[in-house]
N, C-alpha and C. Protein backbone atom coordinates (compact mmCIF):
# COMPACT_ATOMS: atom_id res chain seq x y z
N MET A 1 93.23 -50.41 44.40
CA MET A 1 92.32 -49.45 44.97
C MET A 1 91.88 -49.85 46.37
N ALA A 2 92.06 -51.11 46.72
CA ALA A 2 91.64 -51.55 48.04
C ALA A 2 92.79 -51.59 49.02
N ARG A 3 93.91 -51.03 48.67
CA ARG A 3 95.05 -51.02 49.58
C ARG A 3 94.93 -49.88 50.58
N PRO A 4 95.25 -50.14 51.85
CA PRO A 4 95.14 -49.08 52.86
C PRO A 4 96.14 -47.95 52.61
N ASN A 5 95.74 -46.74 52.97
CA ASN A 5 96.57 -45.54 52.91
C ASN A 5 97.04 -45.17 51.50
N CYS A 6 96.34 -45.62 50.48
CA CYS A 6 96.71 -45.30 49.09
C CYS A 6 95.83 -44.21 48.48
N ALA A 7 94.88 -43.70 49.23
CA ALA A 7 93.97 -42.68 48.69
C ALA A 7 94.72 -41.46 48.17
N PRO A 8 95.70 -40.90 48.89
CA PRO A 8 96.41 -39.73 48.36
C PRO A 8 97.07 -40.01 47.00
N GLU A 9 97.59 -41.21 46.84
CA GLU A 9 98.21 -41.59 45.56
C GLU A 9 97.17 -41.58 44.43
N LEU A 10 95.98 -42.09 44.71
CA LEU A 10 94.92 -42.12 43.70
C LEU A 10 94.42 -40.72 43.37
N TYR A 11 94.33 -39.85 44.37
CA TYR A 11 93.83 -38.49 44.14
C TYR A 11 94.73 -37.71 43.19
N LYS A 12 95.99 -38.06 43.10
CA LYS A 12 96.92 -37.38 42.19
C LYS A 12 96.49 -37.51 40.73
N TYR A 13 95.78 -38.59 40.41
CA TYR A 13 95.36 -38.83 39.03
C TYR A 13 94.15 -38.00 38.64
N GLY A 14 93.44 -37.42 39.60
CA GLY A 14 92.25 -36.63 39.29
C GLY A 14 91.13 -37.51 38.76
N VAL A 15 90.42 -37.02 37.75
CA VAL A 15 89.34 -37.79 37.13
C VAL A 15 89.95 -38.80 36.17
N VAL A 16 89.55 -40.04 36.31
CA VAL A 16 90.09 -41.09 35.44
C VAL A 16 88.96 -41.77 34.69
N GLU A 17 89.25 -42.24 33.51
CA GLU A 17 88.29 -43.00 32.72
C GLU A 17 88.14 -44.38 33.34
N VAL A 18 86.91 -44.84 33.46
CA VAL A 18 86.65 -46.18 33.98
C VAL A 18 85.94 -46.96 32.89
N GLU A 19 86.47 -48.10 32.54
CA GLU A 19 85.83 -48.95 31.54
C GLU A 19 85.19 -50.12 32.25
N TYR A 20 84.00 -50.47 31.79
CA TYR A 20 83.33 -51.62 32.35
C TYR A 20 82.50 -52.27 31.26
N LYS A 21 82.15 -53.50 31.50
CA LYS A 21 81.32 -54.24 30.56
C LYS A 21 80.20 -54.88 31.35
N ARG A 22 78.97 -54.65 30.90
CA ARG A 22 77.83 -55.28 31.55
C ARG A 22 77.69 -56.69 31.03
N ILE A 23 77.47 -57.60 31.93
CA ILE A 23 77.22 -58.97 31.51
C ILE A 23 75.96 -59.46 32.20
N PRO A 24 75.10 -60.16 31.48
CA PRO A 24 73.91 -60.71 32.13
C PRO A 24 74.34 -61.83 33.08
N CYS A 25 73.75 -61.86 34.26
CA CYS A 25 74.10 -62.91 35.20
C CYS A 25 72.82 -63.55 35.73
N ARG A 26 72.94 -64.79 36.13
CA ARG A 26 71.79 -65.52 36.64
C ARG A 26 72.23 -66.36 37.84
N TYR A 27 71.48 -66.26 38.92
CA TYR A 27 71.68 -67.11 40.08
C TYR A 27 70.42 -67.95 40.21
N ALA A 28 70.57 -69.24 40.19
CA ALA A 28 69.41 -70.14 40.22
C ALA A 28 68.51 -69.82 41.40
N GLY A 29 67.23 -69.68 41.12
CA GLY A 29 66.24 -69.44 42.16
C GLY A 29 66.04 -67.99 42.55
N TYR A 30 66.79 -67.06 41.95
CA TYR A 30 66.66 -65.65 42.31
C TYR A 30 66.35 -64.81 41.08
N ASN A 31 65.46 -63.86 41.24
CA ASN A 31 65.14 -62.90 40.19
C ASN A 31 65.65 -61.52 40.57
N ILE A 32 65.27 -61.08 41.75
CA ILE A 32 65.73 -59.80 42.29
C ILE A 32 66.04 -60.02 43.77
N VAL A 33 67.16 -59.50 44.21
CA VAL A 33 67.53 -59.56 45.63
C VAL A 33 67.80 -58.13 46.08
N PHE A 34 67.18 -57.74 47.19
CA PHE A 34 67.42 -56.40 47.71
C PHE A 34 67.57 -56.45 49.22
N LYS A 35 68.17 -55.40 49.76
CA LYS A 35 68.49 -55.34 51.19
C LYS A 35 67.97 -54.04 51.77
N VAL A 36 67.48 -54.09 53.01
CA VAL A 36 67.07 -52.88 53.71
C VAL A 36 68.34 -52.19 54.20
N LYS A 37 68.55 -50.95 53.75
CA LYS A 37 69.76 -50.21 54.09
C LYS A 37 69.86 -49.94 55.59
N GLU A 38 71.09 -49.83 56.05
CA GLU A 38 71.36 -49.66 57.48
C GLU A 38 70.82 -48.35 58.04
N HIS A 39 70.67 -47.32 57.23
CA HIS A 39 70.16 -46.06 57.76
C HIS A 39 68.63 -45.98 57.75
N SER A 40 67.95 -47.09 57.44
CA SER A 40 66.48 -47.15 57.55
C SER A 40 66.09 -47.11 59.02
N LYS A 41 64.92 -46.55 59.30
CA LYS A 41 64.43 -46.46 60.68
C LYS A 41 62.98 -46.94 60.71
N TYR A 42 62.80 -48.17 61.21
CA TYR A 42 61.45 -48.73 61.30
C TYR A 42 60.63 -47.94 62.30
N PRO A 43 59.41 -47.57 62.05
CA PRO A 43 58.61 -47.74 60.84
C PRO A 43 58.54 -46.47 59.98
N ASP A 44 59.41 -45.48 60.25
CA ASP A 44 59.25 -44.17 59.63
C ASP A 44 59.98 -43.96 58.31
N TYR A 45 61.04 -44.70 58.07
CA TYR A 45 61.84 -44.46 56.86
C TYR A 45 62.40 -45.78 56.36
N LEU A 46 62.16 -46.07 55.09
CA LEU A 46 62.63 -47.31 54.49
C LEU A 46 63.49 -47.00 53.28
N ALA A 47 64.70 -47.55 53.27
CA ALA A 47 65.59 -47.44 52.11
C ALA A 47 66.06 -48.84 51.75
N VAL A 48 65.98 -49.17 50.47
CA VAL A 48 66.43 -50.48 50.00
C VAL A 48 67.51 -50.28 48.94
N VAL A 49 68.42 -51.23 48.90
CA VAL A 49 69.45 -51.23 47.85
C VAL A 49 69.31 -52.53 47.08
N LEU A 50 69.35 -52.43 45.77
CA LEU A 50 69.26 -53.62 44.93
C LEU A 50 70.63 -54.27 44.87
N LEU A 51 70.68 -55.54 45.22
CA LEU A 51 71.94 -56.27 45.20
C LEU A 51 72.09 -57.08 43.92
N TYR A 52 70.97 -57.53 43.35
CA TYR A 52 71.03 -58.39 42.17
C TYR A 52 69.70 -58.33 41.44
N GLN A 53 69.75 -58.27 40.12
CA GLN A 53 68.58 -58.50 39.30
C GLN A 53 69.01 -59.34 38.11
N ALA A 54 68.19 -60.33 37.79
CA ALA A 54 68.54 -61.27 36.72
C ALA A 54 68.52 -60.57 35.37
N GLY A 55 69.40 -60.98 34.51
CA GLY A 55 69.40 -60.49 33.14
C GLY A 55 70.11 -59.16 32.98
N GLN A 56 69.96 -58.59 31.81
CA GLN A 56 70.66 -57.36 31.46
C GLN A 56 69.67 -56.21 31.40
N TYR A 57 69.16 -55.82 32.55
CA TYR A 57 68.18 -54.76 32.67
C TYR A 57 68.73 -53.67 33.59
N ASP A 58 68.19 -52.47 33.45
CA ASP A 58 68.42 -51.40 34.40
C ASP A 58 67.15 -51.25 35.22
N VAL A 59 67.28 -51.14 36.54
CA VAL A 59 66.13 -50.85 37.39
C VAL A 59 65.97 -49.34 37.40
N THR A 60 64.85 -48.86 36.88
CA THR A 60 64.65 -47.42 36.76
C THR A 60 63.64 -46.87 37.76
N ALA A 61 62.86 -47.75 38.38
CA ALA A 61 61.87 -47.29 39.36
C ALA A 61 61.52 -48.43 40.31
N VAL A 62 61.15 -48.07 41.53
CA VAL A 62 60.67 -49.03 42.52
C VAL A 62 59.42 -48.42 43.15
N ASP A 63 58.34 -49.19 43.20
CA ASP A 63 57.08 -48.76 43.81
C ASP A 63 56.71 -49.70 44.94
N ILE A 64 55.98 -49.19 45.94
CA ILE A 64 55.40 -50.03 46.98
C ILE A 64 53.89 -49.86 46.96
N TRP A 65 53.18 -50.93 47.32
CA TRP A 65 51.72 -50.93 47.28
C TRP A 65 51.17 -50.27 48.54
N GLN A 66 50.32 -49.27 48.33
CA GLN A 66 49.66 -48.55 49.42
C GLN A 66 48.28 -49.18 49.58
N GLU A 67 48.15 -50.12 50.51
CA GLU A 67 46.92 -50.90 50.66
C GLU A 67 45.72 -50.03 51.02
N ASP A 68 45.90 -49.03 51.90
CA ASP A 68 44.77 -48.23 52.35
C ASP A 68 44.10 -47.44 51.22
N CYS A 69 44.84 -47.02 50.22
CA CYS A 69 44.21 -46.28 49.11
C CYS A 69 44.29 -47.06 47.79
N LYS A 70 44.72 -48.31 47.87
CA LYS A 70 44.73 -49.21 46.71
C LYS A 70 45.45 -48.63 45.50
N GLN A 71 46.67 -48.16 45.72
CA GLN A 71 47.46 -47.66 44.60
C GLN A 71 48.95 -47.83 44.88
N TRP A 72 49.74 -47.79 43.81
CA TRP A 72 51.19 -47.89 43.92
C TRP A 72 51.76 -46.54 44.29
N ARG A 73 52.76 -46.55 45.14
CA ARG A 73 53.44 -45.33 45.57
C ARG A 73 54.91 -45.44 45.19
N GLY A 74 55.40 -44.49 44.44
CA GLY A 74 56.79 -44.53 43.98
C GLY A 74 57.77 -44.26 45.10
N MET A 75 58.87 -44.98 45.06
CA MET A 75 59.98 -44.71 45.97
C MET A 75 60.94 -43.77 45.25
N ARG A 76 61.62 -42.94 46.00
CA ARG A 76 62.57 -41.98 45.43
C ARG A 76 63.90 -42.69 45.19
N ARG A 77 64.50 -42.41 44.04
CA ARG A 77 65.85 -42.93 43.81
C ARG A 77 66.82 -42.00 44.53
N ALA A 78 67.34 -42.44 45.67
CA ALA A 78 68.22 -41.61 46.48
C ALA A 78 69.57 -41.43 45.80
N TYR A 79 70.17 -42.52 45.40
CA TYR A 79 71.45 -42.51 44.68
C TYR A 79 71.74 -43.94 44.23
N GLY A 80 72.43 -44.08 43.13
CA GLY A 80 72.83 -45.40 42.64
C GLY A 80 71.67 -46.37 42.61
N ALA A 81 71.83 -47.49 43.31
CA ALA A 81 70.80 -48.52 43.36
C ALA A 81 69.98 -48.44 44.64
N VAL A 82 69.99 -47.28 45.31
CA VAL A 82 69.26 -47.09 46.57
C VAL A 82 67.97 -46.32 46.31
N PHE A 83 66.85 -46.90 46.76
CA PHE A 83 65.54 -46.27 46.65
C PHE A 83 64.98 -46.14 48.06
N ASP A 84 64.29 -45.01 48.35
CA ASP A 84 63.78 -44.81 49.70
C ASP A 84 62.39 -44.20 49.69
N VAL A 85 61.75 -44.26 50.87
CA VAL A 85 60.42 -43.68 51.05
C VAL A 85 60.27 -43.29 52.52
N VAL A 86 59.70 -42.11 52.75
CA VAL A 86 59.38 -41.66 54.10
C VAL A 86 57.97 -42.15 54.41
N THR A 87 57.74 -42.56 55.64
CA THR A 87 56.47 -43.13 56.10
C THR A 87 55.95 -44.22 55.15
N PRO A 88 56.65 -45.35 55.10
CA PRO A 88 56.17 -46.45 54.26
C PRO A 88 54.86 -47.01 54.81
N PRO A 89 54.07 -47.66 53.96
CA PRO A 89 52.81 -48.24 54.43
C PRO A 89 53.04 -49.28 55.53
N LYS A 90 52.04 -49.49 56.34
CA LYS A 90 52.10 -50.48 57.42
C LYS A 90 51.80 -51.87 56.85
N GLY A 91 52.24 -52.89 57.55
CA GLY A 91 51.97 -54.26 57.14
C GLY A 91 52.96 -54.76 56.10
N GLN A 92 52.66 -55.94 55.55
CA GLN A 92 53.53 -56.50 54.52
C GLN A 92 53.56 -55.59 53.31
N LEU A 93 54.75 -55.43 52.74
CA LEU A 93 54.92 -54.52 51.62
C LEU A 93 55.09 -55.29 50.31
N ARG A 94 54.19 -55.04 49.39
CA ARG A 94 54.37 -55.53 48.03
C ARG A 94 55.21 -54.50 47.30
N VAL A 95 56.17 -54.98 46.56
CA VAL A 95 57.10 -54.10 45.86
C VAL A 95 57.11 -54.47 44.39
N ARG A 96 57.23 -53.45 43.52
CA ARG A 96 57.42 -53.75 42.11
C ARG A 96 58.60 -52.93 41.60
N PHE A 97 59.27 -53.50 40.62
CA PHE A 97 60.48 -52.91 40.06
C PHE A 97 60.27 -52.70 38.56
N GLN A 98 60.63 -51.54 38.08
CA GLN A 98 60.58 -51.30 36.64
C GLN A 98 61.96 -51.61 36.06
N LEU A 99 61.99 -52.56 35.13
CA LEU A 99 63.22 -52.97 34.48
C LEU A 99 63.19 -52.50 33.03
N VAL A 100 64.28 -51.91 32.58
CA VAL A 100 64.35 -51.39 31.22
C VAL A 100 65.54 -52.01 30.50
N SER A 101 65.29 -52.49 29.29
CA SER A 101 66.37 -52.94 28.42
C SER A 101 66.29 -52.13 27.14
N SER A 102 67.08 -52.48 26.18
CA SER A 102 67.06 -51.72 24.92
C SER A 102 65.80 -51.98 24.11
N VAL A 103 65.05 -53.05 24.42
CA VAL A 103 63.86 -53.37 23.62
C VAL A 103 62.55 -53.38 24.40
N GLU A 104 62.59 -53.35 25.71
CA GLU A 104 61.33 -53.41 26.45
C GLU A 104 61.42 -52.74 27.81
N THR A 105 60.25 -52.38 28.32
CA THR A 105 60.09 -51.92 29.69
C THR A 105 59.23 -52.94 30.39
N THR A 106 59.70 -53.45 31.52
CA THR A 106 59.02 -54.53 32.22
C THR A 106 58.85 -54.18 33.69
N TRP A 107 57.66 -54.41 34.22
CA TRP A 107 57.44 -54.28 35.66
C TRP A 107 57.47 -55.68 36.25
N VAL A 108 58.24 -55.87 37.30
CA VAL A 108 58.30 -57.13 38.02
C VAL A 108 57.76 -56.86 39.41
N GLU A 109 56.72 -57.60 39.80
CA GLU A 109 56.00 -57.32 41.04
C GLU A 109 56.11 -58.49 42.01
N SER A 110 56.39 -58.17 43.27
CA SER A 110 56.39 -59.20 44.31
C SER A 110 55.03 -59.23 44.97
N LYS A 111 54.69 -60.35 45.54
CA LYS A 111 53.44 -60.44 46.29
C LYS A 111 53.64 -60.00 47.74
N THR A 112 54.61 -60.55 48.42
CA THR A 112 54.94 -60.15 49.80
C THR A 112 56.45 -60.20 49.96
N ALA A 113 57.13 -59.23 49.43
CA ALA A 113 58.59 -59.25 49.45
C ALA A 113 59.16 -58.83 50.80
N ILE A 114 58.51 -57.88 51.46
CA ILE A 114 59.05 -57.36 52.71
C ILE A 114 58.03 -57.62 53.82
N PRO A 115 58.44 -58.29 54.91
CA PRO A 115 57.51 -58.54 56.01
C PRO A 115 57.05 -57.25 56.67
N GLY A 116 55.93 -57.31 57.36
CA GLY A 116 55.37 -56.14 58.02
C GLY A 116 56.32 -55.48 59.00
N GLU A 117 57.08 -56.27 59.72
CA GLU A 117 58.06 -55.73 60.66
C GLU A 117 59.45 -55.95 60.09
N TRP A 118 59.76 -55.21 59.03
CA TRP A 118 61.04 -55.36 58.35
C TRP A 118 62.19 -54.97 59.25
N LYS A 119 63.32 -55.57 59.00
CA LYS A 119 64.52 -55.37 59.83
C LYS A 119 65.61 -54.68 59.02
N VAL A 120 66.28 -53.75 59.65
CA VAL A 120 67.41 -53.07 59.04
C VAL A 120 68.52 -54.08 58.76
N GLY A 121 69.08 -54.03 57.57
CA GLY A 121 70.16 -54.93 57.19
C GLY A 121 69.71 -56.27 56.63
N ALA A 122 68.40 -56.55 56.70
CA ALA A 122 67.90 -57.84 56.20
C ALA A 122 67.90 -57.85 54.68
N THR A 123 68.18 -59.02 54.12
CA THR A 123 68.19 -59.21 52.68
C THR A 123 66.96 -60.01 52.29
N TYR A 124 66.26 -59.56 51.26
CA TYR A 124 65.04 -60.23 50.82
C TYR A 124 65.15 -60.65 49.37
N PRO A 125 65.24 -61.96 49.12
CA PRO A 125 65.18 -62.41 47.74
C PRO A 125 63.73 -62.33 47.28
N ASN A 126 63.53 -61.87 46.08
CA ASN A 126 62.19 -61.75 45.53
C ASN A 126 61.80 -63.11 44.98
N ILE A 127 61.01 -63.85 45.74
CA ILE A 127 60.73 -65.24 45.40
C ILE A 127 59.55 -65.38 44.44
N THR A 128 58.48 -64.67 44.68
CA THR A 128 57.30 -64.78 43.83
C THR A 128 57.14 -63.50 43.05
N ILE A 129 57.17 -63.58 41.73
CA ILE A 129 57.06 -62.37 40.93
C ILE A 129 55.95 -62.50 39.90
N ARG A 130 55.45 -61.38 39.48
CA ARG A 130 54.55 -61.26 38.35
C ARG A 130 55.19 -60.29 37.40
N ARG A 131 55.17 -60.60 36.13
CA ARG A 131 55.89 -59.78 35.15
C ARG A 131 54.90 -59.22 34.14
N PHE A 132 54.98 -57.92 33.92
CA PHE A 132 54.17 -57.24 32.92
C PHE A 132 55.10 -56.50 31.98
N SER A 133 54.93 -56.67 30.70
CA SER A 133 55.82 -56.03 29.73
C SER A 133 55.03 -55.10 28.83
N LEU A 134 55.61 -53.97 28.53
CA LEU A 134 55.03 -53.05 27.56
C LEU A 134 55.97 -52.97 26.37
N HIS A 135 55.45 -53.23 25.20
CA HIS A 135 56.25 -53.16 23.98
C HIS A 135 55.60 -52.14 23.06
N ALA A 136 56.36 -51.23 22.54
CA ALA A 136 55.83 -50.23 21.61
C ALA A 136 56.40 -50.48 20.22
N TYR A 137 55.53 -50.63 19.25
CA TYR A 137 55.93 -50.81 17.86
C TYR A 137 55.13 -49.84 17.02
N SER A 138 55.77 -48.99 16.30
CA SER A 138 55.16 -47.97 15.44
C SER A 138 54.02 -47.27 16.16
N ASN A 139 52.79 -47.40 15.66
CA ASN A 139 51.67 -46.69 16.27
C ASN A 139 50.80 -47.58 17.15
N SER A 140 51.29 -48.73 17.52
CA SER A 140 50.50 -49.65 18.33
C SER A 140 51.22 -49.95 19.64
N LEU A 141 50.45 -50.30 20.64
CA LEU A 141 51.01 -50.68 21.94
C LEU A 141 50.54 -52.09 22.24
N PHE A 142 51.47 -52.96 22.59
CA PHE A 142 51.13 -54.34 22.91
C PHE A 142 51.40 -54.56 24.39
N LEU A 143 50.47 -55.20 25.07
CA LEU A 143 50.63 -55.51 26.48
C LEU A 143 50.75 -57.02 26.61
N ALA A 144 51.85 -57.46 27.15
CA ALA A 144 52.07 -58.90 27.34
C ALA A 144 52.03 -59.19 28.83
N SER A 145 51.24 -60.16 29.23
CA SER A 145 51.06 -60.43 30.64
C SER A 145 50.82 -61.91 30.81
N ALA A 146 51.20 -62.56 31.68
CA ALA A 146 52.04 -62.42 32.85
C ALA A 146 52.88 -63.67 32.95
N GLN A 147 53.99 -63.59 33.58
CA GLN A 147 54.84 -64.75 33.82
C GLN A 147 54.97 -64.90 35.32
N PHE A 148 54.59 -66.04 35.84
CA PHE A 148 54.70 -66.29 37.27
C PHE A 148 55.88 -67.22 37.51
N THR A 149 56.72 -66.86 38.44
CA THR A 149 57.85 -67.71 38.81
C THR A 149 57.82 -67.85 40.32
N GLU A 150 57.90 -69.06 40.82
CA GLU A 150 57.78 -69.23 42.25
C GLU A 150 58.90 -70.09 42.80
N GLY A 151 59.57 -69.55 43.81
CA GLY A 151 60.51 -70.31 44.61
C GLY A 151 61.78 -70.74 43.90
N GLN A 152 62.60 -71.42 44.65
CA GLN A 152 63.88 -71.85 44.16
C GLN A 152 63.78 -73.10 43.29
N TYR A 153 62.58 -73.66 43.18
CA TYR A 153 62.42 -74.88 42.40
C TYR A 153 62.26 -74.61 40.91
N GLY A 154 62.16 -73.35 40.55
CA GLY A 154 62.08 -73.00 39.15
C GLY A 154 60.73 -73.29 38.51
N LEU A 155 59.69 -73.51 39.32
CA LEU A 155 58.37 -73.74 38.76
C LEU A 155 57.85 -72.44 38.16
N SER A 156 57.27 -72.53 37.00
CA SER A 156 56.76 -71.29 36.41
C SER A 156 55.52 -71.59 35.59
N LEU A 157 54.67 -70.61 35.49
CA LEU A 157 53.49 -70.66 34.65
C LEU A 157 53.55 -69.41 33.79
N SER A 158 53.52 -69.58 32.50
CA SER A 158 53.59 -68.43 31.61
C SER A 158 52.29 -68.30 30.84
N MET A 159 51.76 -67.12 30.80
CA MET A 159 50.57 -66.80 30.01
C MET A 159 50.91 -65.57 29.19
N ARG A 160 50.40 -65.48 28.01
CA ARG A 160 50.71 -64.33 27.19
C ARG A 160 49.46 -63.91 26.44
N ARG A 161 49.12 -62.67 26.58
CA ARG A 161 48.00 -62.08 25.84
C ARG A 161 48.48 -60.78 25.26
N ASN A 162 48.17 -60.54 24.04
CA ASN A 162 48.56 -59.30 23.40
C ASN A 162 47.31 -58.50 23.06
N TYR A 163 47.31 -57.27 23.45
CA TYR A 163 46.23 -56.36 23.13
C TYR A 163 46.81 -55.26 22.26
N GLU A 164 46.21 -55.02 21.14
CA GLU A 164 46.71 -53.97 20.26
C GLU A 164 45.80 -52.76 20.40
N LEU A 165 46.40 -51.64 20.72
CA LEU A 165 45.66 -50.40 20.87
C LEU A 165 46.16 -49.41 19.83
N ASP A 166 45.27 -48.78 19.13
CA ASP A 166 45.68 -47.74 18.18
C ASP A 166 45.94 -46.46 18.95
N LEU A 167 47.08 -45.88 18.70
CA LEU A 167 47.46 -44.65 19.40
C LEU A 167 47.22 -43.44 18.55
């Protein structure tokens, strides 16, 4: 498929079945790595593409922190692993990612993932994260919080509290 001038040959096949297998992968010192897409325009339009996330999760949402009104603002899923926002907040951007597996939904939050003057094409490893998990079992909701992981040294502090709420 990567051979030059072979596109017409491939088009003859029409729609083809593609088989793939997801495998969990881990790179030491990294949890989530994302890049500012080339068509971003500082400071008016920000698009990021996820390059790597640890484990076997799907990223289903990306939010950025709106400091002036103290709330999270959702980014639009443009296509594939690309999320974008028009008029992103000024200053350093805190970002959180919603990760979904077959058994849990988890938000992973950065403290300062993107510098205030972000650069097009720059790659940002998510070094400091906070993890919040929501688990639903029958008629109860359990909230598990928080796991802190910092830097490439693998230092971590884990705390876990469960709150049971009747639904």
